[in-house]
């Protein structure tokens, strides 16, 4: 799977460790920055990653900032992108299975690297179920986005 990976300065150290973890699991990782711990603005990197996922260049994305909140908000502003901030494995896989999220957002100052690896593994191994109830709910979410994207 082609996986986009991006972070701001707060998420940079964890991003580097996850790059190795994800590529070691056999996925192709495409890094969208940042490339150091120097202060940067999270919306710049959230947008780059979200656009790559929305446009299909990468199938999934992993996005990090200090809390995960700001990056999640920014990524979800890109029409067609569903980003979920997760701190437990249930949410990481269920977000894909039920809500078809394409971007996992992590708070690098909230969780440790071992938990992050567990979340990433759960996220990347999950698939949208396509069950009628989940498809119906997803269609309603998409309809909300379309009403306000005009």
N, C-alpha and C. Protein backbone atom coordinates (compact mmCIF):
# COMPACT_ATOMS: atom_id res chain seq x y z
N UNK A 1 0.84 -1.17 0.00
CA UNK A 1 0.00 0.00 0.00
C UNK A 1 0.90 1.24 0.00
N UNK A 2 0.48 2.26 -0.74
CA UNK A 2 1.19 3.55 -0.73
C UNK A 2 0.62 4.39 0.42
N UNK A 3 1.50 4.78 1.35
CA UNK A 3 1.09 5.47 2.56
C UNK A 3 1.78 6.83 2.64
N UNK A 4 0.98 7.88 2.72
CA UNK A 4 1.50 9.23 2.92
C UNK A 4 1.81 9.41 4.39
N UNK A 5 2.88 10.12 4.68
CA UNK A 5 3.29 10.35 6.07
C UNK A 5 3.73 11.80 6.19
N UNK A 6 3.18 12.51 7.18
CA UNK A 6 3.55 13.91 7.38
C UNK A 6 3.39 14.29 8.84
N UNK A 7 4.11 15.33 9.23
CA UNK A 7 4.06 15.81 10.61
C UNK A 7 4.54 17.25 10.66
N UNK A 8 4.16 17.91 11.74
CA UNK A 8 4.78 19.20 12.04
C UNK A 8 6.00 18.92 12.91
N UNK A 9 6.59 19.95 13.46
CA UNK A 9 7.80 19.81 14.26
C UNK A 9 7.58 18.93 15.50
N UNK A 10 6.40 19.03 16.11
CA UNK A 10 6.12 18.24 17.32
C UNK A 10 6.02 16.75 16.99
N UNK A 11 5.57 16.44 15.80
CA UNK A 11 5.43 15.05 15.39
C UNK A 11 6.62 14.49 14.65
N UNK A 12 7.60 15.35 14.35
CA UNK A 12 8.74 14.92 13.53
C UNK A 12 9.45 13.69 14.07
N UNK A 13 9.85 13.63 15.35
CA UNK A 13 10.57 12.43 15.81
C UNK A 13 9.74 11.14 15.65
N UNK A 14 8.46 11.22 15.96
CA UNK A 14 7.61 10.04 15.81
C UNK A 14 7.42 9.69 14.34
N UNK A 15 7.32 10.70 13.50
CA UNK A 15 7.17 10.46 12.06
C UNK A 15 8.36 9.66 11.54
N UNK A 16 9.55 10.01 11.97
CA UNK A 16 10.74 9.30 11.52
C UNK A 16 10.69 7.83 11.94
N UNK A 17 10.29 7.57 13.16
CA UNK A 17 10.19 6.19 13.65
C UNK A 17 9.09 5.43 12.91
N UNK A 18 7.98 6.09 12.64
CA UNK A 18 6.88 5.42 11.93
C UNK A 18 7.22 5.17 10.47
N UNK A 19 8.03 6.02 9.88
CA UNK A 19 8.47 5.80 8.50
C UNK A 19 9.16 4.44 8.41
N UNK A 20 10.07 4.20 9.31
CA UNK A 20 10.80 2.93 9.34
C UNK A 20 9.84 1.76 9.62
N UNK A 21 8.93 1.94 10.55
CA UNK A 21 7.98 0.88 10.92
C UNK A 21 7.07 0.52 9.75
N UNK A 22 6.51 1.52 9.08
CA UNK A 22 5.57 1.29 7.98
C UNK A 22 6.27 0.68 6.77
N UNK A 23 7.43 1.21 6.43
CA UNK A 23 8.17 0.64 5.30
C UNK A 23 8.65 -0.77 5.63
N UNK A 24 9.01 -1.02 6.89
CA UNK A 24 9.42 -2.35 7.31
C UNK A 24 8.30 -3.37 7.24
N UNK A 25 7.05 -2.88 7.26
CA UNK A 25 5.89 -3.76 7.14
C UNK A 25 5.52 -4.01 5.68
N UNK A 26 6.34 -3.50 4.77
CA UNK A 26 6.12 -3.76 3.35
C UNK A 26 5.35 -2.71 2.59
N UNK A 27 5.07 -1.59 3.20
CA UNK A 27 4.33 -0.52 2.53
C UNK A 27 5.30 0.48 1.92
N UNK A 28 4.86 1.13 0.87
CA UNK A 28 5.64 2.22 0.27
C UNK A 28 5.26 3.51 0.98
N UNK A 29 6.23 4.18 1.58
CA UNK A 29 5.96 5.39 2.34
C UNK A 29 6.40 6.61 1.52
N UNK A 30 5.49 7.56 1.41
CA UNK A 30 5.79 8.80 0.73
C UNK A 30 5.74 9.91 1.78
N UNK A 31 6.87 10.50 2.06
CA UNK A 31 6.98 11.52 3.10
C UNK A 31 6.60 12.89 2.54
N UNK A 32 5.80 13.60 3.29
CA UNK A 32 5.35 14.95 2.90
C UNK A 32 5.83 15.99 3.90
N UNK A 33 6.90 15.70 4.62
CA UNK A 33 7.49 16.65 5.56
C UNK A 33 6.86 16.54 6.93
N UNK A 34 7.32 17.33 7.79
CA UNK A 34 8.48 18.18 7.79
C UNK A 34 9.74 17.33 7.96
N UNK A 35 10.87 17.93 7.71
CA UNK A 35 12.12 17.17 7.71
C UNK A 35 13.05 17.53 8.85
N UNK A 36 12.51 18.19 9.88
CA UNK A 36 13.32 18.53 11.05
C UNK A 36 12.39 18.90 12.19
N UNK A 37 12.98 19.14 13.34
CA UNK A 37 12.19 19.56 14.51
C UNK A 37 12.08 21.09 14.60
N UNK A 38 12.49 21.80 13.55
CA UNK A 38 12.33 23.25 13.51
C UNK A 38 10.85 23.59 13.41
N UNK A 39 10.44 24.63 14.10
CA UNK A 39 9.03 25.01 14.16
C UNK A 39 8.45 25.28 12.77
N UNK A 40 7.30 24.66 12.50
CA UNK A 40 6.56 24.84 11.25
C UNK A 40 5.07 24.91 11.60
N UNK A 41 4.25 25.17 10.61
CA UNK A 41 2.81 25.26 10.80
C UNK A 41 2.13 23.99 10.31
N UNK A 42 1.44 23.30 11.22
CA UNK A 42 0.82 22.01 10.90
C UNK A 42 -0.15 22.05 9.72
N UNK A 43 -0.91 23.15 9.47
CA UNK A 43 -1.83 23.11 8.34
C UNK A 43 -1.14 22.89 6.99
N UNK A 44 0.08 23.37 6.85
CA UNK A 44 0.80 23.20 5.58
C UNK A 44 1.01 21.73 5.27
N UNK A 45 1.39 20.95 6.26
CA UNK A 45 1.69 19.54 6.06
C UNK A 45 0.42 18.70 6.04
N UNK A 46 -0.57 19.09 6.81
CA UNK A 46 -1.86 18.40 6.77
C UNK A 46 -2.49 18.52 5.39
N UNK A 47 -2.40 19.70 4.81
CA UNK A 47 -2.99 19.90 3.48
C UNK A 47 -2.26 19.08 2.42
N UNK A 48 -0.93 19.08 2.45
CA UNK A 48 -0.16 18.29 1.47
C UNK A 48 -0.56 16.82 1.53
N UNK A 49 -0.60 16.28 2.73
CA UNK A 49 -0.95 14.87 2.89
C UNK A 49 -2.39 14.61 2.45
N UNK A 50 -3.31 15.45 2.89
CA UNK A 50 -4.72 15.25 2.57
C UNK A 50 -4.97 15.32 1.07
N UNK A 51 -4.31 16.22 0.38
CA UNK A 51 -4.47 16.31 -1.07
C UNK A 51 -3.94 15.06 -1.77
N UNK A 52 -2.82 14.54 -1.30
CA UNK A 52 -2.27 13.31 -1.90
C UNK A 52 -3.22 12.14 -1.72
N UNK A 53 -3.85 12.05 -0.57
CA UNK A 53 -4.80 10.97 -0.32
C UNK A 53 -6.08 11.19 -1.13
N UNK A 54 -6.59 12.40 -1.11
CA UNK A 54 -7.82 12.70 -1.86
C UNK A 54 -7.65 12.43 -3.35
N UNK A 55 -6.49 12.80 -3.89
CA UNK A 55 -6.25 12.65 -5.32
C UNK A 55 -5.87 11.23 -5.71
N UNK A 56 -5.68 10.35 -4.72
CA UNK A 56 -5.37 8.96 -5.01
C UNK A 56 -3.90 8.66 -5.23
N UNK A 57 -3.04 9.65 -5.05
CA UNK A 57 -1.61 9.42 -5.18
C UNK A 57 -1.15 8.43 -4.14
N UNK A 58 -1.69 8.57 -2.92
CA UNK A 58 -1.45 7.61 -1.85
C UNK A 58 -2.80 7.09 -1.36
N UNK A 59 -2.82 5.82 -0.95
CA UNK A 59 -4.07 5.19 -0.54
C UNK A 59 -4.51 5.59 0.86
N UNK A 60 -3.55 5.74 1.76
CA UNK A 60 -3.84 6.11 3.14
C UNK A 60 -2.82 7.14 3.59
N UNK A 61 -3.13 7.81 4.68
CA UNK A 61 -2.21 8.79 5.23
C UNK A 61 -2.10 8.66 6.73
N UNK A 62 -0.92 8.99 7.24
CA UNK A 62 -0.67 9.06 8.68
C UNK A 62 -0.11 10.45 8.94
N UNK A 63 -0.78 11.18 9.83
CA UNK A 63 -0.49 12.59 10.05
C UNK A 63 -0.29 12.82 11.54
N UNK A 64 0.76 13.56 11.90
CA UNK A 64 1.07 13.80 13.30
C UNK A 64 1.27 15.28 13.60
N UNK A 65 0.82 15.67 14.77
CA UNK A 65 1.19 16.95 15.37
C UNK A 65 1.24 16.71 16.87
N UNK A 66 1.39 17.73 17.66
CA UNK A 66 1.55 17.54 19.10
C UNK A 66 0.39 16.82 19.74
N UNK A 67 -0.81 17.35 19.58
CA UNK A 67 -2.01 16.73 20.16
C UNK A 67 -2.77 15.89 19.14
N UNK A 68 -2.58 16.19 17.87
CA UNK A 68 -3.34 15.55 16.82
C UNK A 68 -4.59 16.34 16.44
N UNK A 69 -5.00 17.23 17.31
CA UNK A 69 -6.25 17.96 17.08
C UNK A 69 -6.14 18.91 15.90
N UNK A 70 -5.14 19.77 15.90
CA UNK A 70 -5.01 20.74 14.82
C UNK A 70 -4.83 20.09 13.46
N UNK A 71 -3.99 19.08 13.39
CA UNK A 71 -3.77 18.38 12.12
C UNK A 71 -5.05 17.70 11.65
N UNK A 72 -5.83 17.15 12.58
CA UNK A 72 -7.09 16.52 12.23
C UNK A 72 -8.07 17.54 11.65
N UNK A 73 -8.18 18.67 12.32
CA UNK A 73 -9.08 19.73 11.83
C UNK A 73 -8.66 20.16 10.43
N UNK A 74 -7.38 20.40 10.24
CA UNK A 74 -6.90 20.89 8.94
C UNK A 74 -7.12 19.86 7.84
N UNK A 75 -6.79 18.60 8.09
CA UNK A 75 -6.96 17.56 7.07
C UNK A 75 -8.43 17.39 6.68
N UNK A 76 -9.32 17.52 7.66
CA UNK A 76 -10.74 17.36 7.38
C UNK A 76 -11.35 18.53 6.62
N UNK A 77 -10.61 19.60 6.43
CA UNK A 77 -11.08 20.72 5.62
C UNK A 77 -10.95 20.45 4.13
N UNK A 78 -10.16 19.44 3.76
CA UNK A 78 -9.99 19.10 2.35
C UNK A 78 -11.17 18.22 1.94
N UNK A 79 -12.00 18.70 1.01
CA UNK A 79 -13.16 17.91 0.60
C UNK A 79 -12.76 16.52 0.13
N UNK A 80 -13.51 15.53 0.56
CA UNK A 80 -13.25 14.15 0.18
C UNK A 80 -12.34 13.40 1.12
N UNK A 81 -11.80 14.09 2.12
CA UNK A 81 -10.88 13.45 3.07
C UNK A 81 -11.60 13.24 4.39
N UNK A 82 -11.41 12.04 4.93
CA UNK A 82 -11.93 11.72 6.25
C UNK A 82 -10.74 11.33 7.11
N UNK A 83 -10.39 12.21 8.04
CA UNK A 83 -9.26 11.98 8.94
C UNK A 83 -9.79 11.75 10.34
N UNK A 84 -9.24 10.75 11.01
CA UNK A 84 -9.67 10.44 12.37
C UNK A 84 -8.51 10.50 13.35
N UNK A 85 -8.70 11.24 14.42
CA UNK A 85 -7.72 11.32 15.49
C UNK A 85 -7.98 10.12 16.41
N UNK A 86 -6.99 9.25 16.56
CA UNK A 86 -7.16 8.03 17.33
C UNK A 86 -6.06 7.86 18.36
N UNK A 87 -6.47 7.38 19.53
CA UNK A 87 -5.51 7.09 20.59
C UNK A 87 -5.64 5.66 21.09
N UNK A 88 -6.49 4.86 20.43
CA UNK A 88 -6.64 3.46 20.81
C UNK A 88 -6.85 2.63 19.55
N UNK A 89 -6.52 1.35 19.62
CA UNK A 89 -6.56 0.49 18.43
C UNK A 89 -7.99 0.26 17.94
N UNK A 90 -8.95 0.22 18.86
CA UNK A 90 -10.33 0.03 18.43
C UNK A 90 -10.74 1.14 17.47
N UNK A 91 -10.50 2.39 17.86
CA UNK A 91 -10.86 3.51 17.01
C UNK A 91 -10.08 3.49 15.70
N UNK A 92 -8.83 3.09 15.74
CA UNK A 92 -7.99 3.09 14.54
C UNK A 92 -8.51 2.12 13.48
N UNK A 93 -8.95 0.93 13.89
CA UNK A 93 -9.47 0.01 12.87
C UNK A 93 -10.95 0.25 12.60
N UNK A 94 -11.72 0.57 13.63
CA UNK A 94 -13.14 0.81 13.44
C UNK A 94 -13.39 2.04 12.59
N UNK A 95 -12.52 3.04 12.69
CA UNK A 95 -12.66 4.23 11.86
C UNK A 95 -12.58 3.92 10.37
N UNK A 96 -11.80 2.93 10.02
CA UNK A 96 -11.73 2.48 8.63
C UNK A 96 -12.92 1.58 8.31
N UNK A 97 -13.16 0.59 9.17
CA UNK A 97 -14.19 -0.40 8.91
C UNK A 97 -15.59 0.20 8.80
N UNK A 98 -15.91 1.16 9.65
CA UNK A 98 -17.26 1.73 9.69
C UNK A 98 -17.36 3.08 8.99
N UNK A 99 -16.31 3.91 9.09
CA UNK A 99 -16.39 5.29 8.61
C UNK A 99 -15.53 5.57 7.38
N UNK A 100 -14.78 4.58 6.95
CA UNK A 100 -13.93 4.68 5.76
C UNK A 100 -12.94 5.85 5.85
N UNK A 101 -12.34 6.04 7.05
CA UNK A 101 -11.32 7.09 7.14
C UNK A 101 -10.11 6.67 6.30
N UNK A 102 -9.49 7.66 5.71
CA UNK A 102 -8.29 7.40 4.90
C UNK A 102 -7.04 7.93 5.58
N UNK A 103 -7.22 8.78 6.59
CA UNK A 103 -6.09 9.41 7.27
C UNK A 103 -6.19 9.14 8.77
N UNK A 104 -5.12 8.59 9.31
CA UNK A 104 -5.00 8.39 10.75
C UNK A 104 -4.20 9.56 11.30
N UNK A 105 -4.75 10.24 12.29
CA UNK A 105 -4.06 11.36 12.91
C UNK A 105 -3.67 10.95 14.33
N UNK A 106 -2.42 11.24 14.67
CA UNK A 106 -1.88 10.87 15.97
C UNK A 106 -1.32 12.10 16.69
N UNK A 107 -1.49 12.12 18.00
CA UNK A 107 -0.91 13.15 18.83
C UNK A 107 0.41 12.67 19.38
N UNK A 108 1.50 13.17 18.83
CA UNK A 108 2.83 12.69 19.20
C UNK A 108 3.22 13.02 20.63
N UNK A 109 2.56 14.02 21.21
CA UNK A 109 2.83 14.36 22.61
C UNK A 109 1.82 13.71 23.56
N UNK A 110 0.95 12.89 23.00
CA UNK A 110 -0.11 12.26 23.77
C UNK A 110 0.14 10.76 23.94
N UNK A 111 0.67 10.13 22.90
CA UNK A 111 0.93 8.69 22.93
C UNK A 111 2.41 8.43 22.69
N UNK A 112 2.87 7.28 23.10
CA UNK A 112 4.25 6.87 22.86
C UNK A 112 4.38 6.11 21.55
N UNK A 113 5.60 5.85 21.17
CA UNK A 113 5.87 5.22 19.88
C UNK A 113 5.30 3.81 19.78
N UNK A 114 5.34 3.04 20.85
CA UNK A 114 4.81 1.68 20.78
C UNK A 114 3.30 1.68 20.55
N UNK A 115 2.60 2.56 21.23
CA UNK A 115 1.15 2.69 20.99
C UNK A 115 0.92 3.17 19.57
N UNK A 116 1.70 4.13 19.11
CA UNK A 116 1.56 4.63 17.74
C UNK A 116 1.72 3.50 16.73
N UNK A 117 2.68 2.64 16.93
CA UNK A 117 2.87 1.50 16.03
C UNK A 117 1.66 0.58 16.02
N UNK A 118 1.09 0.33 17.19
CA UNK A 118 -0.11 -0.51 17.27
C UNK A 118 -1.27 0.13 16.53
N UNK A 119 -1.42 1.45 16.67
CA UNK A 119 -2.50 2.16 15.99
C UNK A 119 -2.31 2.12 14.48
N UNK A 120 -1.09 2.34 14.04
CA UNK A 120 -0.79 2.32 12.61
C UNK A 120 -1.06 0.93 12.04
N UNK A 121 -0.64 -0.11 12.73
CA UNK A 121 -0.88 -1.48 12.25
C UNK A 121 -2.37 -1.76 12.15
N UNK A 122 -3.14 -1.35 13.15
CA UNK A 122 -4.59 -1.56 13.12
C UNK A 122 -5.24 -0.79 11.98
N UNK A 123 -4.80 0.44 11.77
CA UNK A 123 -5.34 1.30 10.70
C UNK A 123 -5.03 0.73 9.32
N UNK A 124 -3.78 0.35 9.10
CA UNK A 124 -3.38 -0.11 7.77
C UNK A 124 -3.94 -1.48 7.43
N UNK A 125 -4.25 -2.29 8.41
CA UNK A 125 -4.78 -3.63 8.13
C UNK A 125 -6.30 -3.63 7.97
N UNK A 126 -6.97 -2.56 8.36
CA UNK A 126 -8.43 -2.49 8.31
C UNK A 126 -8.93 -2.15 6.91
N UNK A 127 -10.13 -2.62 6.62
CA UNK A 127 -10.81 -2.33 5.35
C UNK A 127 -12.24 -1.93 5.65
N UNK A 128 -12.78 -1.02 4.85
CA UNK A 128 -14.18 -0.60 4.97
C UNK A 128 -15.06 -1.82 4.72
N UNK A 129 -16.02 -2.05 5.61
CA UNK A 129 -16.85 -3.26 5.49
C UNK A 129 -17.83 -3.17 4.33
N UNK A 130 -18.29 -1.98 4.02
CA UNK A 130 -19.28 -1.83 2.97
C UNK A 130 -20.66 -2.29 3.38
N UNK A 131 -20.83 -2.70 4.65
CA UNK A 131 -22.14 -3.12 5.12
C UNK A 131 -23.14 -1.99 4.89
N UNK A 132 -24.38 -2.36 4.65
CA UNK A 132 -25.41 -1.39 4.30
C UNK A 132 -25.49 -0.25 5.30
N UNK A 133 -25.46 -0.55 6.59
CA UNK A 133 -25.59 0.52 7.59
C UNK A 133 -24.41 1.48 7.55
N UNK A 134 -23.21 0.95 7.30
CA UNK A 134 -22.03 1.81 7.23
C UNK A 134 -22.02 2.62 5.94
N UNK A 135 -22.41 1.99 4.84
CA UNK A 135 -22.48 2.70 3.56
C UNK A 135 -23.53 3.80 3.62
N UNK A 136 -24.66 3.52 4.26
CA UNK A 136 -25.73 4.52 4.40
C UNK A 136 -25.25 5.73 5.21
N UNK A 137 -24.56 5.45 6.31
CA UNK A 137 -24.06 6.53 7.16
C UNK A 137 -22.97 7.34 6.47
N UNK A 138 -22.09 6.64 5.77
CA UNK A 138 -21.04 7.33 5.03
C UNK A 138 -21.64 8.22 3.95
N UNK A 139 -22.66 7.74 3.28
CA UNK A 139 -23.33 8.56 2.25
C UNK A 139 -23.91 9.83 2.88
N UNK A 140 -24.41 9.74 4.09
CA UNK A 140 -24.95 10.93 4.77
C UNK A 140 -23.83 11.91 5.13
N UNK A 141 -22.69 11.38 5.54
CA UNK A 141 -21.54 12.25 5.84
C UNK A 141 -21.09 12.96 4.56
N UNK A 142 -21.00 12.23 3.48
CA UNK A 142 -20.59 12.82 2.20
C UNK A 142 -21.61 13.87 1.74
N UNK A 143 -22.89 13.60 1.96
CA UNK A 143 -23.93 14.57 1.59
C UNK A 143 -23.79 15.86 2.38
N UNK A 144 -23.45 15.77 3.66
CA UNK A 144 -23.22 16.98 4.45
C UNK A 144 -22.07 17.78 3.84
N UNK A 145 -20.98 17.09 3.54
CA UNK A 145 -19.83 17.77 2.95
C UNK A 145 -20.20 18.45 1.65
N UNK A 146 -20.97 17.77 0.81
CA UNK A 146 -21.35 18.34 -0.48
C UNK A 146 -22.25 19.56 -0.33
N UNK A 147 -23.13 19.54 0.67
CA UNK A 147 -24.02 20.70 0.89
C UNK A 147 -23.23 21.94 1.26
N UNK A 148 -22.14 21.77 1.99
CA UNK A 148 -21.38 22.92 2.44
C UNK A 148 -20.15 23.21 1.60
N UNK A 149 -19.92 22.45 0.55
CA UNK A 149 -18.77 22.67 -0.33
C UNK A 149 -19.13 23.51 -1.53
N UNK A 150 -20.35 23.89 -1.63
CA UNK A 150 -20.81 24.65 -2.81
C UNK A 150 -20.44 26.09 -2.73
